[in-house]
Amino acid sequence: DYFIPLAIIAVMSSLSLGQLKAIGLKPIV
């Protein structure tokens, strides 16, 4: 009820979508 949900939202909130632009489309594919 708490530890697993907290782990999920914490890890997901560490991702900035804006930083993906610097990598480029091809490497992401």
PDB file of all heavy atoms in Angstrom:
ATOM      1  N   ASP A   1       0.810  -1.225   0.000  1.00  0.00           N
ATOM      2  CA  ASP A   1       0.000   0.000   0.000  1.00  0.00           C
ATOM      3  C   ASP A   1       0.838   1.268   0.000  1.00  0.00           C
ATOM      4  O   ASP A   1       0.395   2.298  -0.530  1.00  0.00           O
ATOM      5  CB  ASP A   1      -0.927   0.018   1.224  1.00  0.00           C
ATOM      6  CG  ASP A   1      -2.067  -0.980   1.117  1.00  0.00           C
ATOM      7  OD1 ASP A   1      -2.382  -1.390  -0.019  1.00  0.00           O
ATOM      8  OD2 ASP A   1      -2.624  -1.354   2.154  1.00  0.00           O
ATOM      9  N   TYR A   2       2.050   1.218   0.590  1.00  0.00           N
ATOM     10  CA  TYR A   2       2.821   2.444   0.758  1.00  0.00           C
ATOM     11  C   TYR A   2       4.244   2.378   0.206  1.00  0.00           C
ATOM     12  O   TYR A   2       4.635   3.241  -0.590  1.00  0.00           O
ATOM     13  CB  TYR A   2       2.865   2.826   2.245  1.00  0.00           C
ATOM     14  CG  TYR A   2       1.521   3.274   2.759  1.00  0.00           C
ATOM     15  CD1 TYR A   2       0.692   2.388   3.433  1.00  0.00           C
ATOM     16  CD2 TYR A   2       1.056   4.570   2.531  1.00  0.00           C
ATOM     17  CE1 TYR A   2      -0.563   2.783   3.881  1.00  0.00           C
ATOM     18  CE2 TYR A   2      -0.183   4.983   2.979  1.00  0.00           C
ATOM     19  CZ  TYR A   2      -0.992   4.082   3.651  1.00  0.00           C
ATOM     20  OH  TYR A   2      -2.233   4.481   4.076  1.00  0.00           O
ATOM     21  N   PHE A   3       5.032   1.372   0.591  1.00  0.00           N
ATOM     22  CA  PHE A   3       6.428   1.348   0.158  1.00  0.00           C
ATOM     23  C   PHE A   3       6.561   1.219  -1.366  1.00  0.00           C
ATOM     24  O   PHE A   3       7.316   1.967  -1.994  1.00  0.00           O
ATOM     25  CB  PHE A   3       7.182   0.212   0.849  1.00  0.00           C
ATOM     26  CG  PHE A   3       7.351   0.386   2.323  1.00  0.00           C
ATOM     27  CD1 PHE A   3       7.418  -0.711   3.165  1.00  0.00           C
ATOM     28  CD2 PHE A   3       7.437   1.652   2.889  1.00  0.00           C
ATOM     29  CE1 PHE A   3       7.580  -0.550   4.545  1.00  0.00           C
ATOM     30  CE2 PHE A   3       7.589   1.825   4.261  1.00  0.00           C
ATOM     31  CZ  PHE A   3       7.656   0.715   5.082  1.00  0.00           C
ATOM     32  N   ILE A   4       5.842   0.258  -1.958  1.00  0.00           N
ATOM     33  CA  ILE A   4       5.939   0.065  -3.408  1.00  0.00           C
ATOM     34  C   ILE A   4       5.399   1.271  -4.174  1.00  0.00           C
ATOM     35  O   ILE A   4       6.064   1.781  -5.088  1.00  0.00           O
ATOM     36  CB  ILE A   4       5.238  -1.239  -3.839  1.00  0.00           C
ATOM     37  CG1 ILE A   4       5.977  -2.449  -3.265  1.00  0.00           C
ATOM     38  CG2 ILE A   4       5.179  -1.347  -5.363  1.00  0.00           C
ATOM     39  CD1 ILE A   4       5.313  -3.787  -3.579  1.00  0.00           C
ATOM     40  N   PRO A   5       4.190   1.787  -3.840  1.00  0.00           N
ATOM     41  CA  PRO A   5       3.703   2.991  -4.538  1.00  0.00           C
ATOM     42  C   PRO A   5       4.641   4.184  -4.395  1.00  0.00           C
ATOM     43  O   PRO A   5       4.854   4.936  -5.354  1.00  0.00           O
ATOM     44  CB  PRO A   5       2.353   3.263  -3.863  1.00  0.00           C
ATOM     45  CG  PRO A   5       1.889   1.931  -3.402  1.00  0.00           C
ATOM     46  CD  PRO A   5       3.147   1.234  -2.953  1.00  0.00           C
ATOM     47  N   LEU A   6       5.228   4.373  -3.202  1.00  0.00           N
ATOM     48  CA  LEU A   6       6.164   5.478  -3.008  1.00  0.00           C
ATOM     49  C   LEU A   6       7.408   5.301  -3.875  1.00  0.00           C
ATOM     50  O   LEU A   6       7.920   6.280  -4.446  1.00  0.00           O
ATOM     51  CB  LEU A   6       6.566   5.575  -1.538  1.00  0.00           C
ATOM     52  CG  LEU A   6       5.633   6.373  -0.622  1.00  0.00           C
ATOM     53  CD1 LEU A   6       6.012   6.178   0.838  1.00  0.00           C
ATOM     54  CD2 LEU A   6       5.656   7.857  -0.980  1.00  0.00           C
ATOM     55  N   ALA A   7       7.896   4.077  -3.989  1.00  0.00           N
ATOM     56  CA  ALA A   7       9.061   3.816  -4.833  1.00  0.00           C
ATOM     57  C   ALA A   7       8.749   4.141  -6.290  1.00  0.00           C
ATOM     58  O   ALA A   7       9.575   4.730  -7.002  1.00  0.00           O
ATOM     59  CB  ALA A   7       9.495   2.355  -4.698  1.00  0.00           C
ATOM     60  N   ILE A   8       7.549   3.783  -6.741  1.00  0.00           N
ATOM     61  CA  ILE A   8       7.155   4.030  -8.134  1.00  0.00           C
ATOM     62  C   ILE A   8       7.120   5.524  -8.433  1.00  0.00           C
ATOM     63  O   ILE A   8       7.734   6.005  -9.394  1.00  0.00           O
ATOM     64  CB  ILE A   8       5.775   3.407  -8.421  1.00  0.00           C
ATOM     65  CG1 ILE A   8       5.855   1.890  -8.366  1.00  0.00           C
ATOM     66  CG2 ILE A   8       5.246   3.857  -9.789  1.00  0.00           C
ATOM     67  CD1 ILE A   8       4.504   1.223  -8.349  1.00  0.00           C
ATOM     68  N   ILE A   9       6.397   6.287  -7.611  1.00  0.00           N
ATOM     69  CA  ILE A   9       6.237   7.712  -7.905  1.00  0.00           C
ATOM     70  C   ILE A   9       7.558   8.462  -7.733  1.00  0.00           C
ATOM     71  O   ILE A   9       7.837   9.420  -8.464  1.00  0.00           O
ATOM     72  CB  ILE A   9       5.116   8.340  -7.030  1.00  0.00           C
ATOM     73  CG1 ILE A   9       4.765   9.732  -7.556  1.00  0.00           C
ATOM     74  CG2 ILE A   9       5.500   8.373  -5.558  1.00  0.00           C
ATOM     75  CD1 ILE A   9       3.535  10.328  -6.907  1.00  0.00           C
ATOM     76  N   ALA A  10       8.404   8.017  -6.798  1.00  0.00           N
ATOM     77  CA  ALA A  10       9.702   8.664  -6.606  1.00  0.00           C
ATOM     78  C   ALA A  10      10.600   8.463  -7.821  1.00  0.00           C
ATOM     79  O   ALA A  10      11.208   9.422  -8.323  1.00  0.00           O
ATOM     80  CB  ALA A  10      10.375   8.125  -5.342  1.00  0.00           C
ATOM     81  N   VAL A  11      10.690   7.233  -8.303  1.00  0.00           N
ATOM     82  CA  VAL A  11      11.538   6.949  -9.466  1.00  0.00           C
ATOM     83  C   VAL A  11      11.013   7.655 -10.712  1.00  0.00           C
ATOM     84  O   VAL A  11      11.780   8.247 -11.479  1.00  0.00           O
ATOM     85  CB  VAL A  11      11.625   5.429  -9.708  1.00  0.00           C
ATOM     86  CG1 VAL A  11      12.293   5.142 -11.048  1.00  0.00           C
ATOM     87  CG2 VAL A  11      12.413   4.764  -8.589  1.00  0.00           C
ATOM     88  N   MET A  12       9.706   7.615 -10.914  1.00  0.00           N
ATOM     89  CA  MET A  12       9.123   8.255 -12.097  1.00  0.00           C
ATOM     90  C   MET A  12       9.320   9.768 -12.070  1.00  0.00           C
ATOM     91  O   MET A  12       9.479  10.402 -13.113  1.00  0.00           O
ATOM     92  CB  MET A  12       7.641   7.927 -12.190  1.00  0.00           C
ATOM     93  CG  MET A  12       7.335   6.473 -12.502  1.00  0.00           C
ATOM     94  SD  MET A  12       7.897   5.965 -14.142  1.00  0.00           S
ATOM     95  CE  MET A  12       6.670   6.718 -15.183  1.00  0.00           C
ATOM     96  N   SER A  13       9.320  10.352 -10.891  1.00  0.00           N
ATOM     97  CA  SER A  13       9.475  11.804 -10.793  1.00  0.00           C
ATOM     98  C   SER A  13      10.925  12.248 -10.956  1.00  0.00           C
ATOM     99  O   SER A  13      11.226  13.437 -10.861  1.00  0.00           O
ATOM    100  CB  SER A  13       8.927  12.310  -9.449  1.00  0.00           C
ATOM    101  OG  SER A  13       9.730  11.887  -8.379  1.00  0.00           O
ATOM    102  N   SER A  14      11.829  11.307 -11.176  1.00  0.00           N
ATOM    103  CA  SER A  14      13.231  11.658 -11.406  1.00  0.00           C
ATOM    104  C   SER A  14      13.552  11.815 -12.898  1.00  0.00           C
ATOM    105  O   SER A  14      14.686  12.127 -13.255  1.00  0.00           O
ATOM    106  CB  SER A  14      14.149  10.589 -10.798  1.00  0.00           C
ATOM    107  OG  SER A  14      13.990   9.357 -11.471  1.00  0.00           O
ATOM    108  N   LEU A  15      12.559  11.616 -13.761  1.00  0.00           N
ATOM    109  CA  LEU A  15      12.779  11.684 -15.212  1.00  0.00           C
ATOM    110  C   LEU A  15      12.329  13.028 -15.770  1.00  0.00           C
ATOM    111  O   LEU A  15      11.176  13.425 -15.621  1.00  0.00           O
ATOM    112  CB  LEU A  15      12.013  10.559 -15.924  1.00  0.00           C
ATOM    113  CG  LEU A  15      12.052  10.600 -17.463  1.00  0.00           C
ATOM    114  CD1 LEU A  15      13.480  10.405 -17.967  1.00  0.00           C
ATOM    115  CD2 LEU A  15      11.139   9.543 -18.055  1.00  0.00           C
ATOM    116  N   SER A  16      13.234  13.735 -16.416  1.00  0.00           N
ATOM    117  CA  SER A  16      12.912  14.985 -17.108  1.00  0.00           C
ATOM    118  C   SER A  16      12.846  14.716 -18.608  1.00  0.00           C
ATOM    119  O   SER A  16      13.840  14.369 -19.236  1.00  0.00           O
ATOM    120  CB  SER A  16      13.981  16.044 -16.814  1.00  0.00           C
ATOM    121  OG  SER A  16      13.779  17.188 -17.618  1.00  0.00           O
ATOM    122  N   LEU A  17      11.649  14.880 -19.176  1.00  0.00           N
ATOM    123  CA  LEU A  17      11.476  14.606 -20.607  1.00  0.00           C
ATOM    124  C   LEU A  17      12.267  15.570 -21.476  1.00  0.00           C
ATOM    125  O   LEU A  17      12.687  15.231 -22.580  1.00  0.00           O
ATOM    126  CB  LEU A  17       9.989  14.667 -20.963  1.00  0.00           C
ATOM    127  CG  LEU A  17       9.087  13.628 -20.280  1.00  0.00           C
ATOM    128  CD1 LEU A  17       7.621  13.847 -20.669  1.00  0.00           C
ATOM    129  CD2 LEU A  17       9.513  12.221 -20.637  1.00  0.00           C
ATOM    130  N   GLY A  18      12.495  16.785 -20.958  1.00  0.00           N
ATOM    131  CA  GLY A  18      13.234  17.773 -21.741  1.00  0.00           C
ATOM    132  C   GLY A  18      14.657  17.345 -22.048  1.00  0.00           C
ATOM    133  O   GLY A  18      15.222  17.700 -23.079  1.00  0.00           O
ATOM    134  N   GLN A  19      15.264  16.550 -21.150  1.00  0.00           N
ATOM    135  CA  GLN A  19      16.645  16.112 -21.360  1.00  0.00           C
ATOM    136  C   GLN A  19      16.774  15.110 -22.497  1.00  0.00           C
ATOM    137  O   GLN A  19      17.860  14.907 -23.034  1.00  0.00           O
ATOM    138  CB  GLN A  19      17.187  15.494 -20.072  1.00  0.00           C
ATOM    139  CG  GLN A  19      17.374  16.501 -18.945  1.00  0.00           C
ATOM    140  CD  GLN A  19      17.887  15.846 -17.683  1.00  0.00           C
ATOM    141  OE1 GLN A  19      17.620  14.680 -17.425  1.00  0.00           O
ATOM    142  NE2 GLN A  19      18.609  16.596 -16.884  1.00  0.00           N
ATOM    143  N   LEU A  20      15.661  14.483 -22.867  1.00  0.00           N
ATOM    144  CA  LEU A  20      15.721  13.494 -23.946  1.00  0.00           C
ATOM    145  C   LEU A  20      16.062  14.136 -25.292  1.00  0.00           C
ATOM    146  O   LEU A  20      16.599  13.486 -26.184  1.00  0.00           O
ATOM    147  CB  LEU A  20      14.377  12.751 -24.056  1.00  0.00           C
ATOM    148  CG  LEU A  20      13.984  11.884 -22.861  1.00  0.00           C
ATOM    149  CD1 LEU A  20      12.607  11.283 -23.090  1.00  0.00           C
ATOM    150  CD2 LEU A  20      15.005  10.799 -22.621  1.00  0.00           C
ATOM    151  N   LYS A  21      15.753  15.437 -25.451  1.00  0.00           N
ATOM    152  CA  LYS A  21      16.001  16.113 -26.726  1.00  0.00           C
ATOM    153  C   LYS A  21      17.485  16.144 -27.065  1.00  0.00           C
ATOM    154  O   LYS A  21      17.864  16.080 -28.232  1.00  0.00           O
ATOM    155  CB  LYS A  21      15.464  17.546 -26.655  1.00  0.00           C
ATOM    156  CG  LYS A  21      13.949  17.649 -26.480  1.00  0.00           C
ATOM    157  CD  LYS A  21      13.512  19.097 -26.380  1.00  0.00           C
ATOM    158  CE  LYS A  21      12.005  19.208 -26.146  1.00  0.00           C
ATOM    159  NZ  LYS A  21      11.573  20.620 -25.991  1.00  0.00           N
ATOM    160  N   ALA A  22      18.322  16.237 -26.036  1.00  0.00           N
ATOM    161  CA  ALA A  22      19.766  16.321 -26.277  1.00  0.00           C
ATOM    162  C   ALA A  22      20.340  15.018 -26.811  1.00  0.00           C
ATOM    163  O   ALA A  22      21.398  15.008 -27.444  1.00  0.00           O
ATOM    164  CB  ALA A  22      20.484  16.732 -24.993  1.00  0.00           C
ATOM    165  N   ILE A  23      19.671  13.919 -26.553  1.00  0.00           N
ATOM    166  CA  ILE A  23      20.172  12.613 -26.999  1.00  0.00           C
ATOM    167  C   ILE A  23      19.937  12.424 -28.488  1.00  0.00           C
ATOM    168  O   ILE A  23      20.790  11.894 -29.206  1.00  0.00           O
ATOM    169  CB  ILE A  23      19.493  11.483 -26.196  1.00  0.00           C
ATOM    170  CG1 ILE A  23      19.892  11.591 -24.724  1.00  0.00           C
ATOM    171  CG2 ILE A  23      19.878  10.110 -26.748  1.00  0.00           C
ATOM    172  CD1 ILE A  23      19.224  10.591 -23.835  1.00  0.00           C
ATOM    173  N   GLY A  24      18.790  12.852 -28.974  1.00  0.00           N
ATOM    174  CA  GLY A  24      18.453  12.663 -30.375  1.00  0.00           C
ATOM    175  C   GLY A  24      17.520  11.484 -30.581  1.00  0.00           C
ATOM    176  O   GLY A  24      17.465  10.564 -29.759  1.00  0.00           O
ATOM    177  N   LEU A  25      16.790  11.502 -31.683  1.00  0.00           N
ATOM    178  CA  LEU A  25      15.760  10.500 -31.943  1.00  0.00           C
ATOM    179  C   LEU A  25      16.341   9.110 -32.200  1.00  0.00           C
ATOM    180  O   LEU A  25      15.852   8.110 -31.670  1.00  0.00           O
ATOM    181  CB  LEU A  25      14.892  10.934 -33.127  1.00  0.00           C
ATOM    182  CG  LEU A  25      13.765   9.967 -33.518  1.00  0.00           C
ATOM    183  CD1 LEU A  25      12.789   9.784 -32.362  1.00  0.00           C
ATOM    184  CD2 LEU A  25      13.050  10.459 -34.772  1.00  0.00           C
ATOM    185  N   LYS A  26      17.385   9.027 -33.016  1.00  0.00           N
ATOM    186  CA  LYS A  26      17.901   7.720 -33.422  1.00  0.00           C
ATOM    187  C   LYS A  26      18.402   6.877 -32.244  1.00  0.00           C
ATOM    188  O   LYS A  26      18.045   5.695 -32.133  1.00  0.00           O
ATOM    189  CB  LYS A  26      19.011   7.895 -34.469  1.00  0.00           C
ATOM    190  CG  LYS A  26      18.502   8.352 -35.837  1.00  0.00           C
ATOM    191  CD  LYS A  26      19.643   8.463 -36.827  1.00  0.00           C
ATOM    192  CE  LYS A  26      19.148   8.900 -38.200  1.00  0.00           C
ATOM    193  NZ  LYS A  26      20.264   9.014 -39.177  1.00  0.00           N
ATOM    194  N   PRO A  27      19.232   7.431 -31.355  1.00  0.00           N
ATOM    195  CA  PRO A  27      19.655   6.621 -30.200  1.00  0.00           C
ATOM    196  C   PRO A  27      18.484   6.173 -29.326  1.00  0.00           C
ATOM    197  O   PRO A  27      18.498   5.063 -28.783  1.00  0.00           O
ATOM    198  CB  PRO A  27      20.583   7.569 -29.425  1.00  0.00           C
ATOM    199  CG  PRO A  27      21.101   8.508 -30.461  1.00  0.00           C
ATOM    200  CD  PRO A  27      19.954   8.718 -31.394  1.00  0.00           C
ATOM    201  N   ILE A  28      17.462   7.027 -29.210  1.00  0.00           N
ATOM    202  CA  ILE A  28      16.290   6.661 -28.416  1.00  0.00           C
ATOM    203  C   ILE A  28      15.533   5.519 -29.092  1.00  0.00           C
ATOM    204  O   ILE A  28      15.017   4.618 -28.420  1.00  0.00           O
ATOM    205  CB  ILE A  28      15.375   7.880 -28.198  1.00  0.00           C
ATOM    206  CG1 ILE A  28      16.082   8.902 -27.296  1.00  0.00           C
ATOM    207  CG2 ILE A  28      14.042   7.458 -27.575  1.00  0.00           C
ATOM    208  CD1 ILE A  28      15.304  10.183 -27.093  1.00  0.00           C
ATOM    209  N   VAL A  29      15.485   5.529 -30.433  1.00  0.00           N
ATOM    210  CA  VAL A  29      14.825   4.444 -31.160  1.00  0.00           C
ATOM    211  C   VAL A  29      15.588   3.131 -30.946  1.00  0.00           C
ATOM    212  O   VAL A  29      14.975   2.070 -30.757  1.00  0.00           O
ATOM    213  CB  VAL A  29      14.721   4.771 -32.673  1.00  0.00           C
ATOM    214  CG1 VAL A  29      14.245   3.549 -33.465  1.00  0.00           C
ATOM    215  CG2 VAL A  29      13.768   5.923 -32.894  1.00  0.00           C
TER     216      VAL A  29
END
